N, C-alpha and C. Protein backbone atom coordinates (compact mmCIF):
# COMPACT_ATOMS: atom_id res chain seq x y z
N MET A 1 0.86 -1.19 0.00
CA MET A 1 0.00 0.00 0.00
C MET A 1 0.89 1.24 0.00
N ALA A 2 0.65 2.15 -0.97
CA ALA A 2 1.51 3.32 -1.13
C ALA A 2 1.23 4.35 -0.06
N HIS A 3 2.31 5.01 0.38
CA HIS A 3 2.19 6.08 1.37
C HIS A 3 2.23 7.42 0.67
N SER A 4 1.69 8.45 1.30
CA SER A 4 1.68 9.79 0.73
C SER A 4 3.11 10.31 0.65
N PRO A 5 3.50 10.90 -0.51
CA PRO A 5 4.86 11.43 -0.64
C PRO A 5 5.05 12.64 0.25
N THR A 6 6.30 12.85 0.64
CA THR A 6 6.64 14.01 1.47
C THR A 6 7.52 14.92 0.67
N LEU A 7 7.39 16.21 0.89
CA LEU A 7 8.15 17.22 0.16
C LEU A 7 9.28 17.72 1.04
N ALA A 8 10.48 17.64 0.52
CA ALA A 8 11.64 18.12 1.26
C ALA A 8 12.39 19.10 0.42
N GLY A 9 12.84 20.22 1.02
CA GLY A 9 13.61 21.21 0.26
C GLY A 9 15.03 21.25 0.75
N ARG A 10 15.93 21.38 -0.21
CA ARG A 10 17.32 21.46 0.19
C ARG A 10 18.04 22.37 -0.80
N VAL A 11 19.11 22.98 -0.34
CA VAL A 11 19.91 23.87 -1.16
C VAL A 11 21.03 23.07 -1.80
N GLY A 12 21.14 23.12 -3.13
CA GLY A 12 22.15 22.35 -3.85
C GLY A 12 23.52 22.97 -3.69
N HIS A 13 24.48 22.25 -4.24
CA HIS A 13 25.86 22.71 -4.13
C HIS A 13 26.14 23.87 -5.08
N SER A 14 25.37 23.95 -6.18
CA SER A 14 25.61 25.05 -7.11
C SER A 14 25.11 26.34 -6.51
N PRO A 15 25.89 27.41 -6.58
CA PRO A 15 25.46 28.68 -5.94
C PRO A 15 24.24 29.25 -6.62
N GLY A 16 23.29 29.71 -5.81
CA GLY A 16 22.12 30.38 -6.34
C GLY A 16 21.08 29.46 -6.91
N VAL A 17 21.22 28.12 -6.77
CA VAL A 17 20.28 27.17 -7.35
C VAL A 17 19.61 26.42 -6.22
N VAL A 18 18.29 26.41 -6.20
CA VAL A 18 17.54 25.71 -5.17
C VAL A 18 16.95 24.47 -5.79
N LEU A 19 17.24 23.32 -5.22
CA LEU A 19 16.74 22.05 -5.73
C LEU A 19 15.65 21.57 -4.80
N ARG A 20 14.55 21.14 -5.35
CA ARG A 20 13.45 20.63 -4.56
C ARG A 20 13.12 19.23 -5.08
N ASP A 21 13.20 18.25 -4.23
CA ASP A 21 12.92 16.87 -4.59
C ASP A 21 11.63 16.42 -3.93
N VAL A 22 10.87 15.65 -4.64
CA VAL A 22 9.68 15.03 -4.09
C VAL A 22 10.03 13.58 -3.81
N ARG A 23 9.97 13.20 -2.56
CA ARG A 23 10.34 11.84 -2.17
C ARG A 23 9.08 11.11 -1.73
N GLY A 24 9.00 9.84 -2.08
CA GLY A 24 7.85 9.04 -1.67
C GLY A 24 8.21 7.57 -1.68
N THR A 25 7.38 6.76 -1.09
CA THR A 25 7.58 5.31 -1.08
C THR A 25 6.38 4.66 -1.71
N VAL A 26 6.64 3.57 -2.44
CA VAL A 26 5.58 2.80 -3.05
C VAL A 26 5.63 1.40 -2.45
N GLY A 27 4.77 0.56 -2.93
CA GLY A 27 4.74 -0.79 -2.40
C GLY A 27 6.09 -1.47 -2.50
N GLY A 28 6.53 -2.18 -1.46
CA GLY A 28 7.83 -2.83 -1.46
C GLY A 28 8.90 -1.96 -0.86
N GLY A 29 8.56 -0.72 -0.52
CA GLY A 29 9.52 0.14 0.13
C GLY A 29 10.49 0.82 -0.79
N ALA A 30 10.29 0.74 -2.12
CA ALA A 30 11.21 1.36 -3.07
C ALA A 30 11.09 2.87 -2.99
N GLN A 31 12.21 3.54 -3.03
CA GLN A 31 12.24 4.99 -2.96
C GLN A 31 12.14 5.56 -4.38
N VAL A 32 11.29 6.60 -4.56
CA VAL A 32 11.11 7.26 -5.84
C VAL A 32 11.39 8.74 -5.66
N GLU A 33 12.22 9.34 -6.52
CA GLU A 33 12.55 10.75 -6.42
C GLU A 33 12.21 11.43 -7.74
N PHE A 34 11.54 12.55 -7.68
CA PHE A 34 11.18 13.35 -8.84
C PHE A 34 11.85 14.71 -8.69
N SER A 35 12.73 15.03 -9.55
CA SER A 35 13.46 16.30 -9.47
C SER A 35 12.66 17.39 -10.16
N VAL A 36 12.11 18.29 -9.39
CA VAL A 36 11.38 19.42 -9.92
C VAL A 36 12.32 20.34 -10.69
N SER A 37 13.56 20.45 -10.20
CA SER A 37 14.53 21.31 -10.86
C SER A 37 14.81 20.82 -12.28
N ALA A 38 14.96 19.51 -12.47
CA ALA A 38 15.22 18.96 -13.81
C ALA A 38 14.05 19.23 -14.74
N ARG A 39 12.84 19.08 -14.23
CA ARG A 39 11.67 19.34 -15.06
C ARG A 39 11.61 20.80 -15.51
N SER A 40 11.90 21.69 -14.60
CA SER A 40 11.85 23.11 -14.94
C SER A 40 12.92 23.47 -15.97
N ARG A 41 14.10 22.84 -15.85
CA ARG A 41 15.15 23.10 -16.81
C ARG A 41 14.77 22.60 -18.20
N ILE A 42 14.18 21.40 -18.28
CA ILE A 42 13.74 20.86 -19.57
C ILE A 42 12.67 21.76 -20.19
N ALA A 43 11.73 22.21 -19.38
CA ALA A 43 10.68 23.10 -19.89
C ALA A 43 11.27 24.41 -20.39
N SER A 44 12.29 24.91 -19.67
CA SER A 44 12.92 26.16 -20.09
C SER A 44 13.63 25.98 -21.43
N LEU A 45 14.34 24.87 -21.59
CA LEU A 45 15.01 24.59 -22.86
C LEU A 45 14.01 24.45 -23.99
N TRP A 46 12.88 23.81 -23.71
CA TRP A 46 11.84 23.63 -24.74
C TRP A 46 11.26 24.97 -25.18
N ARG A 47 10.99 25.85 -24.20
CA ARG A 47 10.46 27.17 -24.55
C ARG A 47 11.48 27.99 -25.35
N THR A 48 12.75 27.87 -25.00
CA THR A 48 13.78 28.58 -25.75
C THR A 48 13.86 28.10 -27.18
N ALA A 49 13.76 26.77 -27.38
CA ALA A 49 13.80 26.22 -28.73
C ALA A 49 12.61 26.69 -29.55
N LEU A 50 11.44 26.76 -28.93
CA LEU A 50 10.26 27.24 -29.64
C LEU A 50 10.40 28.69 -30.05
N ARG A 51 10.97 29.51 -29.15
CA ARG A 51 11.16 30.93 -29.49
C ARG A 51 12.13 31.09 -30.64
N ARG A 52 13.19 30.30 -30.65
CA ARG A 52 14.19 30.41 -31.71
C ARG A 52 13.64 29.95 -33.05
N SER A 53 12.83 28.90 -33.04
CA SER A 53 12.27 28.39 -34.30
C SER A 53 11.05 29.18 -34.75
N GLY A 54 10.42 29.90 -33.82
CA GLY A 54 9.22 30.64 -34.17
C GLY A 54 9.49 31.78 -35.13
N GLY A 55 10.66 32.41 -35.03
CA GLY A 55 10.98 33.52 -35.92
C GLY A 55 11.01 33.11 -37.38
N PRO A 56 11.83 32.10 -37.76
CA PRO A 56 11.84 31.67 -39.16
C PRO A 56 10.49 31.17 -39.67
N VAL A 57 9.73 30.50 -38.80
CA VAL A 57 8.42 30.00 -39.24
C VAL A 57 7.49 31.16 -39.57
N LEU A 58 7.44 32.15 -38.69
CA LEU A 58 6.58 33.30 -38.95
C LEU A 58 7.04 34.07 -40.18
N THR A 59 8.35 34.15 -40.38
CA THR A 59 8.88 34.82 -41.58
C THR A 59 8.46 34.09 -42.84
N SER A 60 8.56 32.76 -42.82
CA SER A 60 8.16 31.97 -43.99
C SER A 60 6.68 32.13 -44.28
N ILE A 61 5.86 32.15 -43.24
CA ILE A 61 4.41 32.33 -43.44
C ILE A 61 4.14 33.69 -44.06
N GLY A 62 4.82 34.72 -43.58
CA GLY A 62 4.64 36.05 -44.16
C GLY A 62 5.06 36.11 -45.62
N LEU A 63 6.17 35.46 -45.96
CA LEU A 63 6.64 35.45 -47.35
C LEU A 63 5.67 34.70 -48.25
N ILE A 64 5.14 33.58 -47.76
CA ILE A 64 4.18 32.82 -48.56
C ILE A 64 2.91 33.62 -48.78
N ALA A 65 2.44 34.31 -47.74
CA ALA A 65 1.24 35.14 -47.89
C ALA A 65 1.48 36.27 -48.89
N THR A 66 2.67 36.87 -48.83
CA THR A 66 3.01 37.92 -49.79
C THR A 66 3.06 37.38 -51.20
N ALA A 67 3.62 36.18 -51.36
CA ALA A 67 3.68 35.55 -52.69
C ALA A 67 2.28 35.29 -53.24
N PHE A 68 1.36 34.87 -52.38
CA PHE A 68 -0.01 34.64 -52.84
C PHE A 68 -0.65 35.95 -53.30
N GLY A 69 -0.46 37.01 -52.53
CA GLY A 69 -1.01 38.30 -52.93
C GLY A 69 -0.42 38.79 -54.24
N MET A 70 0.89 38.62 -54.42
CA MET A 70 1.53 39.02 -55.67
C MET A 70 1.01 38.21 -56.84
N ALA A 71 0.75 36.92 -56.62
CA ALA A 71 0.24 36.06 -57.68
C ALA A 71 -1.14 36.52 -58.14
N VAL A 72 -2.01 36.83 -57.20
CA VAL A 72 -3.35 37.30 -57.56
C VAL A 72 -3.27 38.64 -58.28
N ALA A 73 -2.43 39.54 -57.77
CA ALA A 73 -2.29 40.86 -58.39
C ALA A 73 -1.75 40.76 -59.80
N SER A 74 -0.75 39.88 -60.01
CA SER A 74 -0.19 39.73 -61.36
C SER A 74 -1.17 39.06 -62.30
N ALA A 75 -2.06 38.22 -61.77
CA ALA A 75 -3.08 37.60 -62.62
C ALA A 75 -4.09 38.63 -63.11
N LEU A 76 -4.39 39.61 -62.28
CA LEU A 76 -5.35 40.65 -62.66
C LEU A 76 -4.70 41.78 -63.44
N LEU A 77 -3.46 42.10 -63.10
CA LEU A 77 -2.74 43.20 -63.76
C LEU A 77 -1.48 42.63 -64.39
N PRO A 78 -1.48 42.37 -65.67
CA PRO A 78 -0.32 41.73 -66.33
C PRO A 78 0.97 42.55 -66.24
N VAL A 79 0.88 43.84 -65.92
CA VAL A 79 2.10 44.64 -65.82
C VAL A 79 2.95 44.21 -64.62
N ILE A 80 2.36 43.50 -63.67
CA ILE A 80 3.09 42.99 -62.51
C ILE A 80 3.69 41.64 -62.88
N SER A 81 4.98 41.47 -62.69
CA SER A 81 5.67 40.23 -63.03
C SER A 81 5.87 39.39 -61.77
N VAL A 82 5.08 38.35 -61.63
CA VAL A 82 5.25 37.46 -60.48
C VAL A 82 6.47 36.57 -60.67
N GLU A 83 6.91 36.37 -61.91
CA GLU A 83 8.09 35.54 -62.17
C GLU A 83 9.34 36.17 -61.53
N ILE A 84 9.50 37.47 -61.71
CA ILE A 84 10.64 38.16 -61.10
C ILE A 84 10.56 38.08 -59.58
N PHE A 85 9.35 38.21 -59.05
CA PHE A 85 9.17 38.13 -57.60
C PHE A 85 9.57 36.75 -57.09
N VAL A 86 9.18 35.69 -57.78
CA VAL A 86 9.50 34.32 -57.35
C VAL A 86 11.01 34.11 -57.33
N ILE A 87 11.69 34.52 -58.39
CA ILE A 87 13.14 34.35 -58.44
C ILE A 87 13.82 35.15 -57.33
N GLY A 88 13.40 36.38 -57.13
CA GLY A 88 13.99 37.20 -56.08
C GLY A 88 13.75 36.62 -54.70
N LEU A 89 12.55 36.07 -54.48
CA LEU A 89 12.24 35.49 -53.17
C LEU A 89 13.08 34.26 -52.90
N VAL A 90 13.28 33.42 -53.92
CA VAL A 90 14.09 32.22 -53.74
C VAL A 90 15.54 32.57 -53.44
N VAL A 91 16.06 33.58 -54.12
CA VAL A 91 17.45 33.98 -53.90
C VAL A 91 17.64 34.58 -52.51
N LYS A 92 16.68 35.40 -52.08
CA LYS A 92 16.81 36.09 -50.79
C LYS A 92 16.43 35.21 -49.62
N SER A 93 15.46 34.33 -49.80
CA SER A 93 14.97 33.48 -48.70
C SER A 93 14.93 32.02 -49.16
N PRO A 94 16.07 31.37 -49.25
CA PRO A 94 16.09 29.97 -49.73
C PRO A 94 15.46 28.98 -48.78
N GLU A 95 15.12 29.42 -47.54
CA GLU A 95 14.52 28.49 -46.60
C GLU A 95 13.07 28.17 -46.94
N VAL A 96 12.45 28.96 -47.80
CA VAL A 96 11.07 28.69 -48.20
C VAL A 96 11.06 27.50 -49.16
N PRO A 97 10.29 26.44 -48.89
CA PRO A 97 10.27 25.27 -49.78
C PRO A 97 9.82 25.66 -51.19
N TRP A 98 10.55 25.17 -52.19
CA TRP A 98 10.26 25.56 -53.56
C TRP A 98 8.89 25.07 -54.00
N TRP A 99 8.52 23.86 -53.57
CA TRP A 99 7.24 23.30 -53.99
C TRP A 99 6.07 24.06 -53.38
N LEU A 100 6.23 24.51 -52.12
CA LEU A 100 5.17 25.27 -51.47
C LEU A 100 5.01 26.63 -52.14
N LEU A 101 6.13 27.27 -52.45
CA LEU A 101 6.07 28.56 -53.14
C LEU A 101 5.40 28.42 -54.50
N ALA A 102 5.78 27.39 -55.26
CA ALA A 102 5.18 27.17 -56.58
C ALA A 102 3.69 26.88 -56.47
N LEU A 103 3.30 26.11 -55.47
CA LEU A 103 1.89 25.76 -55.29
C LEU A 103 1.06 26.98 -54.94
N VAL A 104 1.55 27.80 -54.01
CA VAL A 104 0.80 28.98 -53.57
C VAL A 104 0.66 29.98 -54.72
N VAL A 105 1.74 30.21 -55.45
CA VAL A 105 1.68 31.15 -56.58
C VAL A 105 0.76 30.63 -57.67
N THR A 106 0.78 29.32 -57.90
CA THR A 106 -0.11 28.73 -58.91
C THR A 106 -1.58 28.94 -58.55
N ILE A 107 -1.93 28.67 -57.30
CA ILE A 107 -3.32 28.85 -56.86
C ILE A 107 -3.73 30.31 -56.98
N GLY A 108 -2.86 31.22 -56.59
CA GLY A 108 -3.18 32.64 -56.71
C GLY A 108 -3.38 33.07 -58.16
N GLN A 109 -2.52 32.57 -59.04
CA GLN A 109 -2.63 32.92 -60.45
C GLN A 109 -3.93 32.41 -61.06
N ILE A 110 -4.24 31.15 -60.85
CA ILE A 110 -5.47 30.59 -61.43
C ILE A 110 -6.71 31.24 -60.81
N GLY A 111 -6.65 31.54 -59.52
CA GLY A 111 -7.77 32.23 -58.90
C GLY A 111 -8.03 33.58 -59.53
N GLY A 112 -6.97 34.32 -59.84
CA GLY A 112 -7.15 35.61 -60.51
C GLY A 112 -7.62 35.47 -61.94
N LYS A 113 -7.08 34.49 -62.67
CA LYS A 113 -7.46 34.30 -64.07
C LYS A 113 -8.90 33.82 -64.22
N LEU A 114 -9.43 33.19 -63.17
CA LEU A 114 -10.83 32.75 -63.23
C LEU A 114 -11.78 33.93 -63.43
N LEU A 115 -11.40 35.10 -62.93
CA LEU A 115 -12.25 36.27 -63.13
C LEU A 115 -12.38 36.59 -64.62
N TYR A 116 -11.27 36.53 -65.35
CA TYR A 116 -11.33 36.77 -66.79
C TYR A 116 -12.08 35.65 -67.50
N PHE A 117 -11.89 34.43 -67.05
CA PHE A 117 -12.59 33.28 -67.64
C PHE A 117 -14.10 33.44 -67.53
N TYR A 118 -14.58 33.78 -66.34
CA TYR A 118 -16.02 33.94 -66.14
C TYR A 118 -16.53 35.23 -66.78
N ALA A 119 -15.70 36.25 -66.83
CA ALA A 119 -16.12 37.49 -67.50
C ALA A 119 -16.33 37.25 -68.99
N ALA A 120 -15.45 36.46 -69.60
CA ALA A 120 -15.61 36.15 -71.02
C ALA A 120 -16.86 35.31 -71.28
N ARG A 121 -17.27 34.53 -70.32
CA ARG A 121 -18.51 33.76 -70.44
C ARG A 121 -19.74 34.61 -70.22
N GLY A 122 -19.54 35.79 -69.67
CA GLY A 122 -20.68 36.65 -69.38
C GLY A 122 -21.29 36.42 -68.02
N VAL A 123 -20.62 35.64 -67.20
CA VAL A 123 -21.16 35.33 -65.87
C VAL A 123 -20.97 36.52 -64.93
N ILE A 124 -19.81 37.18 -65.00
CA ILE A 124 -19.54 38.34 -64.16
C ILE A 124 -19.09 39.49 -65.05
N ARG A 125 -19.05 40.67 -64.47
CA ARG A 125 -18.59 41.87 -65.18
C ARG A 125 -17.37 42.42 -64.46
N LEU A 126 -16.29 42.58 -65.22
CA LEU A 126 -15.05 43.07 -64.63
C LEU A 126 -15.17 44.54 -64.27
N PRO A 127 -14.43 44.98 -63.23
CA PRO A 127 -14.38 46.42 -62.94
C PRO A 127 -13.84 47.20 -64.15
N ARG A 128 -14.15 48.46 -64.20
CA ARG A 128 -13.78 49.27 -65.36
C ARG A 128 -12.27 49.29 -65.59
N PHE A 129 -11.48 49.33 -64.49
CA PHE A 129 -10.03 49.44 -64.68
C PHE A 129 -9.41 48.15 -65.20
N LEU A 130 -10.16 47.03 -65.16
CA LEU A 130 -9.65 45.78 -65.70
C LEU A 130 -10.15 45.50 -67.11
N GLN A 131 -11.08 46.32 -67.59
CA GLN A 131 -11.63 46.09 -68.92
C GLN A 131 -10.65 46.58 -69.98
N ARG A 132 -10.60 45.84 -71.07
CA ARG A 132 -9.68 46.18 -72.15
C ARG A 132 -10.21 47.39 -72.91
N LYS A 133 -9.32 48.35 -73.19
CA LYS A 133 -9.72 49.52 -73.95
C LYS A 133 -10.01 49.15 -75.40
N SER A 134 -10.85 49.94 -76.02
CA SER A 134 -11.22 49.68 -77.42
C SER A 134 -9.99 49.85 -78.31
N GLU A 135 -9.92 49.04 -79.38
CA GLU A 135 -8.80 49.04 -80.29
C GLU A 135 -9.27 49.41 -81.68
N PRO A 136 -8.35 49.73 -82.59
CA PRO A 136 -8.74 50.00 -83.97
C PRO A 136 -9.46 48.80 -84.58
N GLY A 137 -10.26 49.08 -85.61
CA GLY A 137 -11.08 48.03 -86.20
C GLY A 137 -10.29 46.87 -86.74
N GLU A 138 -9.09 47.13 -87.30
CA GLU A 138 -8.29 46.05 -87.86
C GLU A 138 -7.86 45.06 -86.78
N HIS A 139 -7.43 45.59 -85.61
CA HIS A 139 -7.00 44.72 -84.52
C HIS A 139 -8.19 43.94 -83.97
N ARG A 140 -9.34 44.60 -83.85
CA ARG A 140 -10.52 43.89 -83.35
C ARG A 140 -10.92 42.79 -84.32
N GLY A 141 -10.77 43.03 -85.61
CA GLY A 141 -11.11 42.00 -86.60
C GLY A 141 -10.20 40.80 -86.50
N ARG A 142 -8.90 41.02 -86.29
CA ARG A 142 -7.97 39.91 -86.15
C ARG A 142 -8.24 39.13 -84.87
N TRP A 143 -8.50 39.84 -83.78
CA TRP A 143 -8.81 39.20 -82.51
C TRP A 143 -10.08 38.38 -82.61
N ALA A 144 -11.11 38.93 -83.26
CA ALA A 144 -12.37 38.20 -83.41
C ALA A 144 -12.18 36.96 -84.28
N ALA A 145 -11.37 37.08 -85.34
CA ALA A 145 -11.12 35.93 -86.21
C ALA A 145 -10.37 34.83 -85.46
N TRP A 146 -9.38 35.24 -84.63
CA TRP A 146 -8.64 34.23 -83.85
C TRP A 146 -9.55 33.56 -82.83
N LEU A 147 -10.41 34.33 -82.20
CA LEU A 147 -11.34 33.75 -81.23
C LEU A 147 -12.28 32.76 -81.90
N GLU A 148 -12.73 33.10 -83.09
CA GLU A 148 -13.64 32.20 -83.79
C GLU A 148 -12.94 30.90 -84.15
N ARG A 149 -11.71 30.99 -84.64
CA ARG A 149 -10.96 29.77 -84.96
C ARG A 149 -10.71 28.94 -83.70
N PHE A 150 -10.41 29.61 -82.61
CA PHE A 150 -10.18 28.90 -81.36
C PHE A 150 -11.46 28.22 -80.88
N ARG A 151 -12.58 28.90 -81.01
CA ARG A 151 -13.85 28.31 -80.57
C ARG A 151 -14.19 27.07 -81.39
N VAL A 152 -14.00 27.16 -82.68
CA VAL A 152 -14.27 26.01 -83.55
C VAL A 152 -13.34 24.86 -83.21
N GLY A 153 -12.06 25.17 -82.97
CA GLY A 153 -11.11 24.12 -82.61
C GLY A 153 -11.46 23.47 -81.28
N CYS A 154 -11.95 24.26 -80.32
CA CYS A 154 -12.35 23.70 -79.02
C CYS A 154 -13.52 22.73 -79.16
N GLN A 155 -14.44 23.04 -80.05
CA GLN A 155 -15.61 22.20 -80.22
C GLN A 155 -15.31 20.92 -81.01
N THR A 156 -14.38 21.00 -81.93
CA THR A 156 -14.09 19.85 -82.79
C THR A 156 -12.90 19.02 -82.32
N ARG A 157 -11.96 19.63 -81.59
CA ARG A 157 -10.75 18.92 -81.18
C ARG A 157 -10.46 19.21 -79.70
N PRO A 158 -11.11 18.49 -78.81
CA PRO A 158 -10.89 18.76 -77.37
C PRO A 158 -9.46 18.49 -76.92
N MET A 159 -8.79 17.49 -77.51
CA MET A 159 -7.40 17.24 -77.13
C MET A 159 -6.50 18.41 -77.54
N TRP A 160 -6.77 18.97 -78.68
CA TRP A 160 -6.02 20.14 -79.13
C TRP A 160 -6.23 21.31 -78.17
N THR A 161 -7.47 21.46 -77.69
CA THR A 161 -7.78 22.53 -76.74
C THR A 161 -6.95 22.38 -75.47
N GLY A 162 -6.91 21.16 -74.93
CA GLY A 162 -6.12 20.93 -73.73
C GLY A 162 -4.64 21.20 -73.95
N GLY A 163 -4.13 20.82 -75.13
CA GLY A 163 -2.73 21.06 -75.44
C GLY A 163 -2.40 22.55 -75.51
N VAL A 164 -3.29 23.33 -76.15
CA VAL A 164 -3.06 24.77 -76.26
C VAL A 164 -3.10 25.42 -74.88
N LEU A 165 -4.07 25.05 -74.06
CA LEU A 165 -4.17 25.63 -72.73
C LEU A 165 -2.95 25.27 -71.87
N LEU A 166 -2.50 24.02 -71.97
CA LEU A 166 -1.35 23.58 -71.19
C LEU A 166 -0.08 24.31 -71.63
N LEU A 167 0.13 24.43 -72.95
CA LEU A 167 1.29 25.13 -73.45
C LEU A 167 1.28 26.60 -73.03
N SER A 168 0.11 27.20 -73.08
CA SER A 168 -0.01 28.60 -72.69
C SER A 168 0.28 28.77 -71.20
N ALA A 169 -0.18 27.83 -70.37
CA ALA A 169 0.05 27.92 -68.93
C ALA A 169 1.52 27.74 -68.57
N VAL A 170 2.23 26.92 -69.33
CA VAL A 170 3.64 26.66 -69.03
C VAL A 170 4.53 27.75 -69.60
N ALA A 171 4.37 28.03 -70.89
CA ALA A 171 5.31 28.91 -71.60
C ALA A 171 4.73 30.27 -71.97
N SER A 172 3.46 30.50 -71.66
CA SER A 172 2.78 31.76 -72.04
C SER A 172 2.80 31.97 -73.55
N LEU A 173 2.68 30.90 -74.30
CA LEU A 173 2.57 30.95 -75.76
C LEU A 173 1.36 30.11 -76.19
N PRO A 174 0.28 30.77 -76.58
CA PRO A 174 0.03 32.21 -76.59
C PRO A 174 -0.10 32.76 -75.17
N PRO A 175 -0.14 34.10 -75.02
CA PRO A 175 -0.23 34.68 -73.67
C PRO A 175 -1.37 34.06 -72.86
N PHE A 176 -1.06 33.75 -71.60
CA PHE A 176 -2.03 33.03 -70.77
C PHE A 176 -3.30 33.82 -70.54
N LEU A 177 -3.19 35.14 -70.40
CA LEU A 177 -4.38 35.95 -70.20
C LEU A 177 -5.30 35.86 -71.40
N ALA A 178 -4.74 35.96 -72.61
CA ALA A 178 -5.56 35.86 -73.82
C ALA A 178 -6.20 34.48 -73.92
N THR A 179 -5.46 33.45 -73.54
CA THR A 179 -6.01 32.09 -73.59
C THR A 179 -7.14 31.92 -72.59
N CYS A 180 -7.02 32.53 -71.42
CA CYS A 180 -8.09 32.44 -70.42
C CYS A 180 -9.37 33.09 -70.94
N VAL A 181 -9.23 34.25 -71.56
CA VAL A 181 -10.39 34.93 -72.12
C VAL A 181 -11.00 34.11 -73.25
N ALA A 182 -10.13 33.59 -74.13
CA ALA A 182 -10.63 32.78 -75.25
C ALA A 182 -11.30 31.51 -74.75
N ALA A 183 -10.75 30.88 -73.71
CA ALA A 183 -11.35 29.67 -73.18
C ALA A 183 -12.72 29.94 -72.58
N GLY A 184 -12.86 31.06 -71.89
CA GLY A 184 -14.17 31.40 -71.35
C GLY A 184 -15.17 31.71 -72.44
N TRP A 185 -14.73 32.45 -73.46
CA TRP A 185 -15.64 32.81 -74.55
C TRP A 185 -16.05 31.58 -75.37
N ALA A 186 -15.11 30.62 -75.53
CA ALA A 186 -15.39 29.41 -76.32
C ALA A 186 -16.12 28.34 -75.51
N ARG A 187 -16.47 28.63 -74.28
CA ARG A 187 -17.19 27.68 -73.42
C ARG A 187 -16.40 26.41 -73.17
N VAL A 188 -15.09 26.56 -72.98
CA VAL A 188 -14.27 25.41 -72.60
C VAL A 188 -14.72 24.93 -71.22
N PRO A 189 -14.86 23.62 -71.02
CA PRO A 189 -15.28 23.13 -69.69
C PRO A 189 -14.37 23.64 -68.58
N LEU A 190 -14.98 24.00 -67.46
CA LEU A 190 -14.21 24.53 -66.34
C LEU A 190 -13.16 23.53 -65.86
N SER A 191 -13.50 22.24 -65.86
CA SER A 191 -12.54 21.23 -65.41
C SER A 191 -11.30 21.21 -66.31
N THR A 192 -11.49 21.34 -67.62
CA THR A 192 -10.35 21.37 -68.53
C THR A 192 -9.48 22.59 -68.27
N PHE A 193 -10.10 23.72 -68.06
CA PHE A 193 -9.35 24.95 -67.80
C PHE A 193 -8.57 24.84 -66.50
N LEU A 194 -9.20 24.32 -65.43
CA LEU A 194 -8.53 24.24 -64.14
C LEU A 194 -7.38 23.23 -64.16
N VAL A 195 -7.61 22.07 -64.73
CA VAL A 195 -6.56 21.04 -64.73
C VAL A 195 -5.34 21.50 -65.52
N THR A 196 -5.57 21.97 -66.73
CA THR A 196 -4.44 22.41 -67.56
C THR A 196 -3.76 23.65 -66.95
N GLY A 197 -4.56 24.56 -66.41
CA GLY A 197 -3.98 25.76 -65.82
C GLY A 197 -3.16 25.46 -64.59
N LEU A 198 -3.69 24.64 -63.68
CA LEU A 198 -2.97 24.33 -62.45
C LEU A 198 -1.69 23.54 -62.73
N VAL A 199 -1.78 22.55 -63.60
CA VAL A 199 -0.60 21.75 -63.92
C VAL A 199 0.46 22.60 -64.62
N GLY A 200 0.03 23.35 -65.62
CA GLY A 200 0.97 24.15 -66.38
C GLY A 200 1.63 25.25 -65.55
N ARG A 201 0.84 25.97 -64.77
CA ARG A 201 1.40 27.03 -63.95
C ARG A 201 2.33 26.48 -62.85
N PHE A 202 1.98 25.32 -62.28
CA PHE A 202 2.85 24.73 -61.26
C PHE A 202 4.20 24.35 -61.87
N VAL A 203 4.18 23.76 -63.05
CA VAL A 203 5.44 23.42 -63.73
C VAL A 203 6.26 24.68 -63.99
N ARG A 204 5.60 25.73 -64.42
CA ARG A 204 6.30 26.98 -64.72
C ARG A 204 6.97 27.57 -63.48
N PHE A 205 6.20 27.70 -62.39
CA PHE A 205 6.74 28.35 -61.20
C PHE A 205 7.68 27.43 -60.42
N ALA A 206 7.47 26.12 -60.51
CA ALA A 206 8.42 25.21 -59.88
C ALA A 206 9.78 25.30 -60.57
N ALA A 207 9.78 25.40 -61.90
CA ALA A 207 11.04 25.55 -62.62
C ALA A 207 11.73 26.86 -62.24
N LEU A 208 10.97 27.92 -62.10
CA LEU A 208 11.55 29.19 -61.69
C LEU A 208 12.11 29.13 -60.27
N ALA A 209 11.42 28.39 -59.39
CA ALA A 209 11.83 28.33 -57.99
C ALA A 209 13.12 27.52 -57.81
N VAL A 210 13.32 26.49 -58.62
CA VAL A 210 14.51 25.66 -58.46
C VAL A 210 15.66 26.13 -59.35
N ALA A 211 15.39 27.02 -60.28
CA ALA A 211 16.43 27.45 -61.22
C ALA A 211 17.63 28.10 -60.53
N PRO A 212 17.45 29.06 -59.60
CA PRO A 212 18.63 29.67 -58.97
C PRO A 212 19.51 28.66 -58.24
N GLY A 213 18.90 27.76 -57.48
CA GLY A 213 19.69 26.75 -56.78
C GLY A 213 20.40 25.81 -57.73
N ALA A 214 19.72 25.43 -58.81
CA ALA A 214 20.35 24.55 -59.80
C ALA A 214 21.53 25.22 -60.48
N MET A 215 21.39 26.50 -60.78
CA MET A 215 22.48 27.23 -61.43
C MET A 215 23.68 27.37 -60.49
N ILE A 216 23.41 27.65 -59.21
CA ILE A 216 24.50 27.78 -58.25
C ILE A 216 25.22 26.44 -58.08
N ALA A 217 24.45 25.33 -58.00
CA ALA A 217 25.06 24.01 -57.85
C ALA A 217 25.87 23.64 -59.09
N TRP A 218 25.38 24.02 -60.26
CA TRP A 218 26.08 23.69 -61.51
C TRP A 218 27.38 24.48 -61.64
N LEU A 219 27.34 25.75 -61.21
CA LEU A 219 28.54 26.57 -61.29
C LEU A 219 29.55 26.18 -60.21
């Protein structure tokens, strides 16, 4: 039958350190000692480790959030280059995982391009500052002719449609923004647009994210 433990305090040999042991007996008379001082030291080391690792983690979260915002902004405003931002971020902060950066930027890009996709379908109306300004009649005629050919190709050759969307998402040939508008206007299935866009953009940004490290390793 176990007896109630007794608390005894004693001053250790180390100056300025107070050690408190909890002593008790269990069945069979075995002595058990629990060092409160050791527990407090372990807890202190654990808290210190958390504080030291918390800084880089919070920094990485902030960088990833900034990358997502830049991706959405560049999707809506083509004058913003998210590619330059990705390369600069990888060079300055190599601790950010390349795959996570590529994934976040891809999601932001496709999320922004969906606005143009649905606007071309007539589902939503873009704000005035995102609407394309009117062009001379010759340019409008060429654009309309290209859209018509693209629409016919989408209806008759679905594999060709997927190939064009994938190539545009990876290499921006033709420009991805124009392809998003054409895909929406041609009534390309949303699943086809999302799959090709996500895969293509991830390949593009993953290549950009690993390029600086690969070049440094090669040199």
